[in-house]
Amino acid sequence: MISLTATAGELGELREWINQIQALFGLDMAYDCVSLWADVEMPERYLVAVEETGSWPTLFESSMETELESRFAVQKVVKGQVSVKHGRSLKQAENGTYLSVSDRTSEPGYGPELREEVTDILAALEYIPGWLGHYVGGNLAIPEEVTGWVLWNSPEAFQQSVPRGSFYEIRLFHRIG
């Protein structure tokens, strides 16, 4: 996953870059999907997800990271491993689908417990109308970091999943490419 900021003028260039990557990866069966997501609350912030076969949305080669970093303001790069995948995948998500992303960090040594807690929480969300699928994954570099990704058919469905008084940051994106 790559979180980045791009201006409206750069969006065309970003889409072109994604199309080039998709064409390149279309020849390599190790990659299922490269997708572009816009932050609902901050329209200048985007998420680029590269989904490898059999793993969570993860990152591509460092040369491509460097190219993207030189063209846009890349804020965060995460390479992770999926522990749970249920329902639709990013590849099956059409433009207009919504994606909520929740990053959590445990105390040192408690990554597996946090992963189990997030897995239980996301499993309960599948009963909310509008839920399409979810992933739970961990950061390969920092085992205490766990990310939950949930696909939704609308922002209203997502809102039903957010508990009142929640103190966790949950970002909402919609697929644009």
N, C-alpha and C. Protein backbone atom coordinates (compact mmCIF):
# COMPACT_ATOMS: atom_id res chain seq x y z
N MET A 1 0.85 -1.16 0.00
CA MET A 1 0.00 0.00 0.00
C MET A 1 0.89 1.23 0.00
N ILE A 2 0.52 2.19 -0.80
CA ILE A 2 1.24 3.46 -0.81
C ILE A 2 0.21 4.55 -0.58
N SER A 3 0.44 5.39 0.39
CA SER A 3 -0.41 6.55 0.63
C SER A 3 0.36 7.76 0.10
N LEU A 4 -0.29 8.57 -0.72
CA LEU A 4 0.41 9.71 -1.30
C LEU A 4 -0.52 10.88 -1.51
N THR A 5 0.07 12.02 -1.75
CA THR A 5 -0.68 13.23 -2.03
C THR A 5 -0.35 13.66 -3.46
N ALA A 6 -1.39 13.98 -4.21
CA ALA A 6 -1.20 14.46 -5.58
C ALA A 6 -2.21 15.58 -5.82
N THR A 7 -1.83 16.54 -6.63
CA THR A 7 -2.75 17.62 -6.96
C THR A 7 -3.70 17.15 -8.06
N ALA A 8 -4.75 17.90 -8.29
CA ALA A 8 -5.70 17.55 -9.35
C ALA A 8 -4.97 17.47 -10.70
N GLY A 9 -4.00 18.34 -10.92
CA GLY A 9 -3.24 18.32 -12.16
C GLY A 9 -2.37 17.07 -12.30
N GLU A 10 -1.92 16.53 -11.18
CA GLU A 10 -1.09 15.33 -11.20
C GLU A 10 -1.88 14.04 -11.31
N LEU A 11 -3.20 14.12 -11.08
CA LEU A 11 -4.02 12.91 -11.09
C LEU A 11 -3.95 12.19 -12.44
N GLY A 12 -3.95 12.95 -13.54
CA GLY A 12 -3.83 12.34 -14.86
C GLY A 12 -2.51 11.59 -15.00
N GLU A 13 -1.43 12.19 -14.52
CA GLU A 13 -0.11 11.55 -14.58
C GLU A 13 -0.09 10.30 -13.69
N LEU A 14 -0.73 10.39 -12.51
CA LEU A 14 -0.80 9.24 -11.62
C LEU A 14 -1.58 8.09 -12.26
N ARG A 15 -2.70 8.40 -12.89
CA ARG A 15 -3.49 7.37 -13.59
C ARG A 15 -2.67 6.73 -14.72
N GLU A 16 -1.93 7.56 -15.46
CA GLU A 16 -1.10 7.04 -16.55
C GLU A 16 -0.03 6.09 -15.99
N TRP A 17 0.57 6.48 -14.87
CA TRP A 17 1.59 5.64 -14.25
C TRP A 17 0.98 4.30 -13.81
N ILE A 18 -0.22 4.35 -13.20
CA ILE A 18 -0.91 3.12 -12.77
C ILE A 18 -1.19 2.23 -13.98
N ASN A 19 -1.65 2.83 -15.09
CA ASN A 19 -1.92 2.04 -16.30
C ASN A 19 -0.65 1.37 -16.81
N GLN A 20 0.47 2.07 -16.75
CA GLN A 20 1.74 1.47 -17.17
C GLN A 20 2.11 0.29 -16.28
N ILE A 21 1.92 0.46 -14.97
CA ILE A 21 2.22 -0.62 -14.03
C ILE A 21 1.29 -1.80 -14.27
N GLN A 22 -0.01 -1.53 -14.49
CA GLN A 22 -0.96 -2.61 -14.76
C GLN A 22 -0.57 -3.37 -16.01
N ALA A 23 -0.16 -2.65 -17.03
CA ALA A 23 0.25 -3.32 -18.27
C ALA A 23 1.49 -4.18 -18.03
N LEU A 24 2.43 -3.65 -17.25
CA LEU A 24 3.64 -4.40 -16.94
C LEU A 24 3.31 -5.65 -16.12
N PHE A 25 2.50 -5.47 -15.07
CA PHE A 25 2.17 -6.60 -14.21
C PHE A 25 1.19 -7.56 -14.87
N GLY A 26 0.48 -7.09 -15.88
CA GLY A 26 -0.41 -7.99 -16.61
C GLY A 26 0.34 -9.14 -17.24
N LEU A 27 1.63 -8.95 -17.45
CA LEU A 27 2.47 -9.99 -18.03
C LEU A 27 3.05 -10.91 -16.97
N ASP A 28 2.92 -10.52 -15.69
CA ASP A 28 3.52 -11.27 -14.59
C ASP A 28 2.40 -11.80 -13.71
N MET A 29 2.24 -13.10 -13.63
CA MET A 29 1.15 -13.69 -12.88
C MET A 29 1.30 -13.56 -11.37
N ALA A 30 2.38 -13.00 -10.89
CA ALA A 30 2.56 -12.82 -9.45
C ALA A 30 1.69 -11.69 -8.91
N TYR A 31 1.19 -10.82 -9.78
CA TYR A 31 0.40 -9.68 -9.33
C TYR A 31 -1.02 -9.78 -9.87
N ASP A 32 -2.00 -9.62 -8.96
CA ASP A 32 -3.40 -9.68 -9.33
C ASP A 32 -3.98 -8.34 -9.74
N CYS A 33 -3.58 -7.29 -9.04
CA CYS A 33 -4.31 -6.03 -9.21
C CYS A 33 -3.45 -4.85 -8.77
N VAL A 34 -3.49 -3.79 -9.53
CA VAL A 34 -2.97 -2.49 -9.11
C VAL A 34 -4.16 -1.56 -9.16
N SER A 35 -4.50 -0.92 -8.04
CA SER A 35 -5.69 -0.09 -8.01
C SER A 35 -5.39 1.27 -7.38
N LEU A 36 -6.20 2.26 -7.76
CA LEU A 36 -6.05 3.63 -7.30
C LEU A 36 -7.32 4.03 -6.54
N TRP A 37 -7.13 4.57 -5.35
CA TRP A 37 -8.22 4.93 -4.45
C TRP A 37 -8.04 6.37 -4.00
N ALA A 38 -9.12 7.16 -3.98
CA ALA A 38 -9.09 8.55 -3.52
C ALA A 38 -9.67 8.63 -2.11
N ASP A 39 -9.01 9.40 -1.25
CA ASP A 39 -9.48 9.61 0.12
C ASP A 39 -10.77 10.43 0.06
N VAL A 40 -11.79 9.99 0.75
CA VAL A 40 -13.09 10.66 0.73
C VAL A 40 -13.02 12.03 1.42
N GLU A 41 -12.28 12.12 2.53
CA GLU A 41 -12.21 13.37 3.28
C GLU A 41 -11.13 14.32 2.78
N MET A 42 -10.07 13.78 2.18
CA MET A 42 -8.97 14.60 1.67
C MET A 42 -8.77 14.25 0.21
N PRO A 43 -9.47 14.92 -0.71
CA PRO A 43 -9.44 14.54 -2.12
C PRO A 43 -8.06 14.57 -2.77
N GLU A 44 -7.10 15.24 -2.14
CA GLU A 44 -5.75 15.27 -2.71
C GLU A 44 -4.90 14.10 -2.23
N ARG A 45 -5.45 13.24 -1.39
CA ARG A 45 -4.71 12.08 -0.87
C ARG A 45 -5.22 10.81 -1.56
N TYR A 46 -4.29 9.98 -1.99
CA TYR A 46 -4.62 8.77 -2.73
C TYR A 46 -3.95 7.56 -2.11
N LEU A 47 -4.47 6.42 -2.43
CA LEU A 47 -3.91 5.15 -2.01
C LEU A 47 -3.68 4.33 -3.26
N VAL A 48 -2.48 3.78 -3.41
CA VAL A 48 -2.17 2.88 -4.51
C VAL A 48 -1.97 1.51 -3.89
N ALA A 49 -2.75 0.53 -4.32
CA ALA A 49 -2.63 -0.82 -3.77
C ALA A 49 -2.18 -1.77 -4.87
N VAL A 50 -1.19 -2.58 -4.55
CA VAL A 50 -0.72 -3.63 -5.45
C VAL A 50 -0.99 -4.94 -4.72
N GLU A 51 -1.84 -5.76 -5.29
CA GLU A 51 -2.20 -7.02 -4.65
C GLU A 51 -1.48 -8.16 -5.34
N GLU A 52 -0.68 -8.87 -4.55
CA GLU A 52 0.02 -10.03 -5.07
C GLU A 52 -0.85 -11.26 -4.89
N THR A 53 -0.73 -12.21 -5.79
CA THR A 53 -1.45 -13.46 -5.66
C THR A 53 -1.10 -14.09 -4.33
N GLY A 54 -2.13 -14.40 -3.54
CA GLY A 54 -1.91 -15.09 -2.28
C GLY A 54 -1.45 -14.23 -1.13
N SER A 55 -1.43 -12.91 -1.29
CA SER A 55 -1.04 -12.08 -0.16
C SER A 55 -1.90 -10.82 -0.12
N TRP A 56 -1.66 -9.99 0.88
CA TRP A 56 -2.48 -8.79 1.03
C TRP A 56 -2.00 -7.72 0.07
N PRO A 57 -2.79 -6.63 -0.08
CA PRO A 57 -2.34 -5.53 -0.93
C PRO A 57 -0.96 -5.10 -0.45
N THR A 58 0.02 -5.23 -1.28
CA THR A 58 1.40 -5.00 -0.86
C THR A 58 2.12 -4.15 -1.88
N LEU A 59 3.42 -4.06 -1.75
CA LEU A 59 4.18 -3.14 -2.55
C LEU A 59 5.02 -3.79 -3.61
N PHE A 60 5.36 -3.02 -4.59
CA PHE A 60 6.17 -3.52 -5.69
C PHE A 60 7.62 -3.19 -5.50
N GLU A 61 8.40 -3.47 -6.53
CA GLU A 61 9.86 -3.35 -6.47
C GLU A 61 10.31 -1.95 -6.08
N SER A 62 11.46 -1.86 -5.42
CA SER A 62 11.94 -0.58 -4.91
C SER A 62 12.20 0.43 -6.02
N SER A 63 12.55 -0.03 -7.22
CA SER A 63 12.77 0.92 -8.32
C SER A 63 11.47 1.64 -8.67
N MET A 64 10.36 0.92 -8.60
CA MET A 64 9.07 1.55 -8.87
C MET A 64 8.69 2.49 -7.74
N GLU A 65 8.99 2.09 -6.49
CA GLU A 65 8.75 2.97 -5.35
C GLU A 65 9.50 4.28 -5.54
N THR A 66 10.78 4.18 -5.92
CA THR A 66 11.61 5.36 -6.12
C THR A 66 11.04 6.25 -7.20
N GLU A 67 10.56 5.64 -8.30
CA GLU A 67 9.96 6.43 -9.37
C GLU A 67 8.73 7.17 -8.89
N LEU A 68 7.88 6.48 -8.15
CA LEU A 68 6.67 7.11 -7.63
C LEU A 68 7.01 8.22 -6.64
N GLU A 69 7.98 7.96 -5.77
CA GLU A 69 8.40 8.97 -4.79
C GLU A 69 8.97 10.21 -5.47
N SER A 70 9.64 10.03 -6.61
CA SER A 70 10.22 11.18 -7.29
C SER A 70 9.15 12.01 -8.01
N ARG A 71 8.01 11.42 -8.32
CA ARG A 71 6.95 12.13 -9.04
C ARG A 71 5.88 12.72 -8.14
N PHE A 72 5.65 12.10 -6.98
CA PHE A 72 4.56 12.50 -6.10
C PHE A 72 5.05 12.54 -4.65
N ALA A 73 4.25 13.14 -3.78
CA ALA A 73 4.59 13.22 -2.36
C ALA A 73 4.10 11.95 -1.66
N VAL A 74 4.95 10.94 -1.63
CA VAL A 74 4.58 9.67 -1.00
C VAL A 74 4.70 9.81 0.51
N GLN A 75 3.62 9.49 1.22
CA GLN A 75 3.60 9.65 2.66
C GLN A 75 3.93 8.37 3.41
N LYS A 76 3.48 7.25 2.90
CA LYS A 76 3.66 6.01 3.65
C LYS A 76 3.74 4.84 2.68
N VAL A 77 4.66 3.94 2.93
CA VAL A 77 4.82 2.74 2.13
C VAL A 77 4.78 1.56 3.10
N VAL A 78 3.88 0.61 2.86
CA VAL A 78 3.77 -0.55 3.73
C VAL A 78 3.83 -1.81 2.89
N LYS A 79 4.65 -2.74 3.29
CA LYS A 79 4.68 -4.05 2.68
C LYS A 79 4.19 -5.02 3.73
N GLY A 80 3.14 -5.75 3.42
CA GLY A 80 2.53 -6.60 4.43
C GLY A 80 2.20 -7.98 3.95
N GLN A 81 1.73 -8.78 4.87
CA GLN A 81 1.34 -10.15 4.59
C GLN A 81 -0.08 -10.36 5.13
N VAL A 82 -0.94 -10.88 4.28
CA VAL A 82 -2.32 -11.15 4.67
C VAL A 82 -2.39 -12.37 5.57
N SER A 83 -3.17 -12.24 6.64
CA SER A 83 -3.44 -13.41 7.46
C SER A 83 -4.88 -13.87 7.27
N VAL A 84 -5.76 -12.93 6.86
CA VAL A 84 -7.17 -13.25 6.62
C VAL A 84 -7.64 -12.50 5.39
N LYS A 85 -8.35 -13.18 4.51
CA LYS A 85 -8.98 -12.56 3.35
C LYS A 85 -10.34 -13.22 3.20
N HIS A 86 -11.41 -12.41 3.21
CA HIS A 86 -12.76 -12.96 3.15
C HIS A 86 -13.63 -12.07 2.26
N GLY A 87 -14.41 -12.67 1.41
CA GLY A 87 -15.29 -11.91 0.52
C GLY A 87 -14.56 -11.47 -0.73
N ARG A 88 -15.01 -10.35 -1.29
CA ARG A 88 -14.40 -9.84 -2.53
C ARG A 88 -12.98 -9.38 -2.31
N SER A 89 -12.21 -9.41 -3.39
CA SER A 89 -10.84 -8.92 -3.37
C SER A 89 -10.80 -7.53 -3.98
N LEU A 90 -9.65 -6.88 -3.89
CA LEU A 90 -9.49 -5.57 -4.53
C LEU A 90 -9.68 -5.69 -6.03
N LYS A 91 -9.25 -6.80 -6.60
CA LYS A 91 -9.40 -7.02 -8.04
C LYS A 91 -10.87 -7.04 -8.44
N GLN A 92 -11.71 -7.55 -7.58
CA GLN A 92 -13.15 -7.64 -7.87
C GLN A 92 -13.89 -6.34 -7.56
N ALA A 93 -13.24 -5.41 -6.90
CA ALA A 93 -13.87 -4.13 -6.56
C ALA A 93 -13.91 -3.24 -7.79
N GLU A 94 -15.09 -2.78 -8.14
CA GLU A 94 -15.26 -1.91 -9.30
C GLU A 94 -15.00 -0.46 -8.89
N ASN A 95 -14.78 0.40 -9.89
CA ASN A 95 -14.68 1.83 -9.60
C ASN A 95 -15.95 2.26 -8.88
N GLY A 96 -15.79 3.10 -7.86
CA GLY A 96 -16.93 3.53 -7.06
C GLY A 96 -17.08 2.74 -5.78
N THR A 97 -16.41 1.60 -5.66
CA THR A 97 -16.42 0.83 -4.42
C THR A 97 -15.64 1.60 -3.36
N TYR A 98 -16.02 1.42 -2.11
CA TYR A 98 -15.35 2.11 -1.00
C TYR A 98 -14.47 1.14 -0.23
N LEU A 99 -13.39 1.68 0.34
CA LEU A 99 -12.43 0.89 1.10
C LEU A 99 -12.11 1.64 2.39
N SER A 100 -12.40 1.01 3.53
CA SER A 100 -11.99 1.60 4.80
C SER A 100 -10.68 0.95 5.23
N VAL A 101 -9.78 1.76 5.79
CA VAL A 101 -8.46 1.29 6.19
C VAL A 101 -8.22 1.72 7.63
N SER A 102 -7.94 0.73 8.48
CA SER A 102 -7.65 1.00 9.88
C SER A 102 -6.30 0.40 10.23
N ASP A 103 -5.36 1.27 10.62
CA ASP A 103 -4.02 0.84 11.04
C ASP A 103 -3.98 0.88 12.56
N ARG A 104 -3.54 -0.20 13.16
CA ARG A 104 -3.43 -0.26 14.62
C ARG A 104 -2.05 -0.79 15.00
N THR A 105 -1.59 -0.38 16.17
CA THR A 105 -0.28 -0.82 16.65
C THR A 105 -0.42 -1.30 18.09
N SER A 106 0.14 -2.48 18.35
CA SER A 106 0.10 -3.06 19.69
C SER A 106 1.37 -2.70 20.46
N GLU A 107 1.36 -3.06 21.72
CA GLU A 107 2.58 -2.97 22.52
C GLU A 107 3.57 -4.00 21.96
N PRO A 108 4.87 -3.79 22.15
CA PRO A 108 5.86 -4.74 21.64
C PRO A 108 5.55 -6.18 22.07
N GLY A 109 5.60 -7.09 21.09
CA GLY A 109 5.38 -8.50 21.36
C GLY A 109 3.92 -8.95 21.32
N TYR A 110 2.97 -8.01 21.14
CA TYR A 110 1.55 -8.36 21.17
C TYR A 110 0.89 -8.26 19.80
N GLY A 111 1.69 -8.30 18.74
CA GLY A 111 1.14 -8.25 17.39
C GLY A 111 0.14 -9.37 17.09
N PRO A 112 0.44 -10.62 17.44
CA PRO A 112 -0.51 -11.71 17.17
C PRO A 112 -1.86 -11.53 17.88
N GLU A 113 -1.84 -11.02 19.10
CA GLU A 113 -3.09 -10.78 19.82
C GLU A 113 -3.90 -9.68 19.15
N LEU A 114 -3.22 -8.62 18.72
CA LEU A 114 -3.92 -7.54 18.02
C LEU A 114 -4.49 -8.04 16.71
N ARG A 115 -3.74 -8.84 15.98
CA ARG A 115 -4.22 -9.40 14.71
C ARG A 115 -5.49 -10.22 14.94
N GLU A 116 -5.52 -11.01 16.01
CA GLU A 116 -6.71 -11.81 16.34
C GLU A 116 -7.90 -10.92 16.68
N GLU A 117 -7.64 -9.84 17.44
CA GLU A 117 -8.72 -8.91 17.80
C GLU A 117 -9.30 -8.24 16.55
N VAL A 118 -8.43 -7.75 15.66
CA VAL A 118 -8.89 -7.10 14.43
C VAL A 118 -9.65 -8.10 13.56
N THR A 119 -9.18 -9.33 13.49
CA THR A 119 -9.85 -10.38 12.72
C THR A 119 -11.27 -10.60 13.24
N ASP A 120 -11.43 -10.66 14.55
CA ASP A 120 -12.76 -10.85 15.15
C ASP A 120 -13.68 -9.66 14.84
N ILE A 121 -13.15 -8.46 14.94
CA ILE A 121 -13.94 -7.26 14.66
C ILE A 121 -14.41 -7.25 13.21
N LEU A 122 -13.50 -7.51 12.27
CA LEU A 122 -13.87 -7.47 10.86
C LEU A 122 -14.79 -8.61 10.48
N ALA A 123 -14.67 -9.76 11.12
CA ALA A 123 -15.58 -10.88 10.85
C ALA A 123 -17.02 -10.50 11.19
N ALA A 124 -17.20 -9.72 12.24
CA ALA A 124 -18.55 -9.29 12.63
C ALA A 124 -19.14 -8.28 11.65
N LEU A 125 -18.30 -7.56 10.91
CA LEU A 125 -18.79 -6.54 9.98
C LEU A 125 -19.50 -7.13 8.77
N GLU A 126 -19.22 -8.40 8.43
CA GLU A 126 -19.81 -8.96 7.22
C GLU A 126 -21.34 -9.05 7.29
N TYR A 127 -21.91 -8.87 8.47
CA TYR A 127 -23.37 -8.90 8.62
C TYR A 127 -24.01 -7.54 8.39
N ILE A 128 -23.20 -6.52 8.19
CA ILE A 128 -23.72 -5.18 7.90
C ILE A 128 -24.06 -5.12 6.41
N PRO A 129 -25.28 -4.73 6.06
CA PRO A 129 -25.62 -4.59 4.63
C PRO A 129 -24.65 -3.62 3.96
N GLY A 130 -24.10 -4.02 2.82
CA GLY A 130 -23.15 -3.20 2.10
C GLY A 130 -21.72 -3.66 2.25
N TRP A 131 -21.44 -4.60 3.19
CA TRP A 131 -20.11 -5.18 3.33
C TRP A 131 -19.82 -6.03 2.10
N LEU A 132 -18.63 -5.90 1.54
CA LEU A 132 -18.27 -6.67 0.35
C LEU A 132 -17.12 -7.64 0.59
N GLY A 133 -16.22 -7.32 1.51
CA GLY A 133 -15.08 -8.19 1.78
C GLY A 133 -14.10 -7.50 2.71
N HIS A 134 -13.16 -8.29 3.24
CA HIS A 134 -12.14 -7.67 4.10
C HIS A 134 -10.84 -8.47 4.09
N TYR A 135 -9.79 -7.76 4.50
CA TYR A 135 -8.46 -8.31 4.66
C TYR A 135 -7.98 -7.93 6.06
N VAL A 136 -7.17 -8.78 6.65
CA VAL A 136 -6.41 -8.43 7.85
C VAL A 136 -4.97 -8.78 7.53
N GLY A 137 -4.09 -7.85 7.77
CA GLY A 137 -2.69 -8.10 7.46
C GLY A 137 -1.77 -7.43 8.45
N GLY A 138 -0.53 -7.84 8.39
CA GLY A 138 0.47 -7.27 9.28
C GLY A 138 1.63 -6.71 8.48
N ASN A 139 2.25 -5.70 9.03
CA ASN A 139 3.41 -5.07 8.43
C ASN A 139 4.60 -6.02 8.59
N LEU A 140 5.24 -6.40 7.48
CA LEU A 140 6.38 -7.32 7.55
C LEU A 140 7.56 -6.74 8.32
N ALA A 141 7.72 -5.42 8.28
CA ALA A 141 8.85 -4.78 8.96
C ALA A 141 8.58 -4.55 10.45
N ILE A 142 7.31 -4.37 10.82
CA ILE A 142 6.96 -4.08 12.21
C ILE A 142 5.80 -5.00 12.60
N PRO A 143 6.08 -6.12 13.25
CA PRO A 143 5.04 -7.12 13.54
C PRO A 143 3.90 -6.61 14.43
N GLU A 144 4.13 -5.53 15.15
CA GLU A 144 3.08 -4.99 16.02
C GLU A 144 2.06 -4.14 15.25
N GLU A 145 2.31 -3.85 13.97
CA GLU A 145 1.37 -3.08 13.17
C GLU A 145 0.44 -4.02 12.42
N VAL A 146 -0.86 -3.80 12.61
CA VAL A 146 -1.90 -4.61 11.97
C VAL A 146 -2.82 -3.66 11.22
N THR A 147 -3.21 -4.05 10.00
CA THR A 147 -4.11 -3.24 9.20
C THR A 147 -5.33 -4.05 8.84
N GLY A 148 -6.49 -3.42 8.97
CA GLY A 148 -7.74 -4.01 8.51
C GLY A 148 -8.26 -3.20 7.34
N TRP A 149 -8.59 -3.89 6.24
CA TRP A 149 -9.14 -3.25 5.05
C TRP A 149 -10.52 -3.85 4.82
N VAL A 150 -11.53 -3.01 4.64
CA VAL A 150 -12.89 -3.50 4.39
C VAL A 150 -13.44 -2.83 3.15
N LEU A 151 -13.99 -3.63 2.24
CA LEU A 151 -14.64 -3.13 1.04
C LEU A 151 -16.13 -2.92 1.33
N TRP A 152 -16.66 -1.77 0.89
CA TRP A 152 -18.06 -1.40 1.12
C TRP A 152 -18.70 -0.96 -0.20
N ASN A 153 -20.02 -1.07 -0.28
CA ASN A 153 -20.70 -0.60 -1.49
C ASN A 153 -21.14 0.87 -1.38
N SER A 154 -21.03 1.46 -0.18
CA SER A 154 -21.43 2.87 -0.02
C SER A 154 -20.80 3.44 1.25
N PRO A 155 -20.71 4.77 1.32
CA PRO A 155 -20.21 5.38 2.55
C PRO A 155 -21.17 5.16 3.72
N GLU A 156 -22.47 5.02 3.42
CA GLU A 156 -23.45 4.79 4.48
C GLU A 156 -23.22 3.42 5.14
N ALA A 157 -22.90 2.42 4.31
CA ALA A 157 -22.60 1.09 4.87
C ALA A 157 -21.38 1.17 5.78
N PHE A 158 -20.36 1.89 5.33
CA PHE A 158 -19.16 2.08 6.16
C PHE A 158 -19.52 2.75 7.48
N GLN A 159 -20.33 3.81 7.43
CA GLN A 159 -20.69 4.55 8.65
C GLN A 159 -21.37 3.65 9.68
N GLN A 160 -22.13 2.66 9.22
CA GLN A 160 -22.79 1.73 10.14
C GLN A 160 -21.77 0.90 10.91
N SER A 161 -20.56 0.77 10.38
CA SER A 161 -19.54 -0.07 11.01
C SER A 161 -18.72 0.66 12.07
N VAL A 162 -18.82 1.99 12.09
CA VAL A 162 -17.97 2.77 13.00
C VAL A 162 -18.69 2.93 14.34
N PRO A 163 -18.12 2.38 15.41
CA PRO A 163 -18.77 2.51 16.72
C PRO A 163 -18.74 3.95 17.22
N ARG A 164 -19.78 4.34 17.93
CA ARG A 164 -19.80 5.68 18.53
C ARG A 164 -18.64 5.83 19.48
N GLY A 165 -18.02 6.98 19.41
CA GLY A 165 -16.92 7.27 20.32
C GLY A 165 -15.63 6.53 20.00
N SER A 166 -15.53 5.98 18.78
CA SER A 166 -14.32 5.25 18.39
C SER A 166 -13.13 6.19 18.39
N PHE A 167 -12.02 5.75 18.97
CA PHE A 167 -10.83 6.59 19.01
C PHE A 167 -9.77 6.10 18.02
N TYR A 168 -10.11 5.12 17.20
CA TYR A 168 -9.20 4.67 16.15
C TYR A 168 -9.45 5.45 14.87
N GLU A 169 -8.38 5.80 14.19
CA GLU A 169 -8.54 6.47 12.90
C GLU A 169 -8.89 5.41 11.85
N ILE A 170 -9.97 5.65 11.15
CA ILE A 170 -10.38 4.79 10.05
C ILE A 170 -10.57 5.70 8.84
N ARG A 171 -9.74 5.50 7.82
CA ARG A 171 -9.82 6.32 6.61
C ARG A 171 -10.72 5.63 5.59
N LEU A 172 -11.46 6.42 4.83
CA LEU A 172 -12.34 5.89 3.81
C LEU A 172 -11.89 6.39 2.44
N PHE A 173 -11.73 5.46 1.51
CA PHE A 173 -11.32 5.75 0.15
C PHE A 173 -12.37 5.22 -0.81
N HIS A 174 -12.43 5.80 -2.02
CA HIS A 174 -13.26 5.19 -3.06
C HIS A 174 -12.38 4.93 -4.28
N ARG A 175 -12.69 3.80 -4.95
CA ARG A 175 -11.85 3.38 -6.07
C ARG A 175 -12.13 4.25 -7.29
N ILE A 176 -11.05 4.75 -7.87
CA ILE A 176 -11.16 5.59 -9.07
C ILE A 176 -10.35 5.02 -10.23
N GLY A 177 -9.69 3.92 -10.02
CA GLY A 177 -8.93 3.34 -11.12
C GLY A 177 -8.22 2.07 -10.74
